[in-house]
C-alpha atoms as a PDB file:
ATOM      1  CA  MET A   1      11.908   0.864  -0.152  1.00  0.00           C
ATOM      2  CA  GLY A   2       9.727   0.357  -3.203  1.00  0.00           C
ATOM      3  CA  PHE A   3       8.086  -2.772  -4.523  1.00  0.00           C
ATOM      4  CA  ASP A   4       5.016  -3.788  -6.463  1.00  0.00           C
ATOM      5  CA  SER A   5       2.028  -5.774  -5.267  1.00  0.00           C
ATOM      6  CA  GLY A   6       3.506  -9.010  -6.646  1.00  0.00           C
ATOM      7  CA  LEU A   7       6.050  -9.007  -3.818  1.00  0.00           C
ATOM      8  CA  CYS A   8       3.553  -8.186  -1.098  1.00  0.00           C
ATOM      9  CA  SER A   9       3.114 -10.536   1.812  1.00  0.00           C
ATOM     10  CA  LYS A  10       1.877 -10.123   5.368  1.00  0.00           C
ATOM     11  CA  GLU A  11       5.329 -11.009   6.651  1.00  0.00           C
ATOM     12  CA  ILE A  12       7.094  -8.367   4.574  1.00  0.00           C
ATOM     13  CA  LEU A  13       4.597  -5.678   5.562  1.00  0.00           C
ATOM     14  CA  ALA A  14       4.814  -6.640   9.237  1.00  0.00           C
ATOM     15  CA  THR A  15       8.610  -6.414   9.141  1.00  0.00           C
ATOM     16  CA  LEU A  16       8.554  -3.014   7.428  1.00  0.00           C
ATOM     17  CA  GLU A  17       6.039  -1.722   9.962  1.00  0.00           C
ATOM     18  CA  ARG A  18       8.071  -3.104  12.878  1.00  0.00           C
ATOM     19  CA  LEU A  19      11.212  -1.401  11.543  1.00  0.00           C
ATOM     20  CA  ASP A  20       9.291   1.832  10.828  1.00  0.00           C
ATOM     21  CA  VAL A  21      10.260   1.711   7.141  1.00  0.00           C
ATOM     22  CA  SER A  22       8.197   3.831   4.746  1.00  0.00           C
ATOM     23  CA  TYR A  23       7.262   2.237   1.456  1.00  0.00           C
ATOM     24  CA  PRO A  24       5.181   2.947  -1.645  1.00  0.00           C
ATOM     25  CA  MET A  25       3.251   0.098  -3.201  1.00  0.00           C
ATOM     26  CA  ALA A  26       1.742  -0.162  -6.667  1.00  0.00           C
ATOM     27  CA  VAL A  27      -1.664  -1.807  -6.967  1.00  0.00           C
ATOM     28  CA  ARG A  28      -4.123  -2.232  -9.789  1.00  0.00           C
ATOM     29  CA  ALA A  29      -6.560   0.655  -9.543  1.00  0.00           C
ATOM     30  CA  ASN A  30      -9.145  -0.649 -11.978  1.00  0.00           C
ATOM     31  CA  THR A  31     -11.548  -2.050  -9.395  1.00  0.00           C
ATOM     32  CA  LYS A  32     -14.424  -0.345  -7.625  1.00  0.00           C
ATOM     33  CA  ALA A  33     -13.064  -1.412  -4.240  1.00  0.00           C
ATOM     34  CA  VAL A  34      -9.670   0.229  -4.831  1.00  0.00           C
ATOM     35  CA  TRP A  35     -11.274   3.436  -6.125  1.00  0.00           C
ATOM     36  CA  ALA A  36     -13.590   3.509  -3.111  1.00  0.00           C
ATOM     37  CA  VAL A  37     -10.606   3.383  -0.748  1.00  0.00           C
ATOM     38  CA  ILE A  38      -8.573   5.903  -2.756  1.00  0.00           C
ATOM     39  CA  SER A  39     -11.465   8.362  -2.733  1.00  0.00           C
ATOM     40  CA  THR A  40     -11.369   8.447   1.083  1.00  0.00           C
ATOM     41  CA  ILE A  41      -7.769   9.746   1.167  1.00  0.00           C
ATOM     42  CA  THR A  42      -7.655  13.442   1.978  1.00  0.00           C
ATOM     43  CA  GLU A  43      -5.017  15.976   0.970  1.00  0.00           C
ATOM     44  CA  GLU A  44      -3.799  15.992   4.568  1.00  0.00           C
ATOM     45  CA  ASP A  45      -3.056  12.245   4.431  1.00  0.00           C
END
């Protein structure tokens, strides 16, 4: 399932997690906070 951040809600994410559904999500990457999190992702992740 794919969707963008405009459709994101805690309920949707909880349901996807409960059903073990994988999903990509687009977010704006032009903030320091997002870049800080992205930089912690390793190749193994």
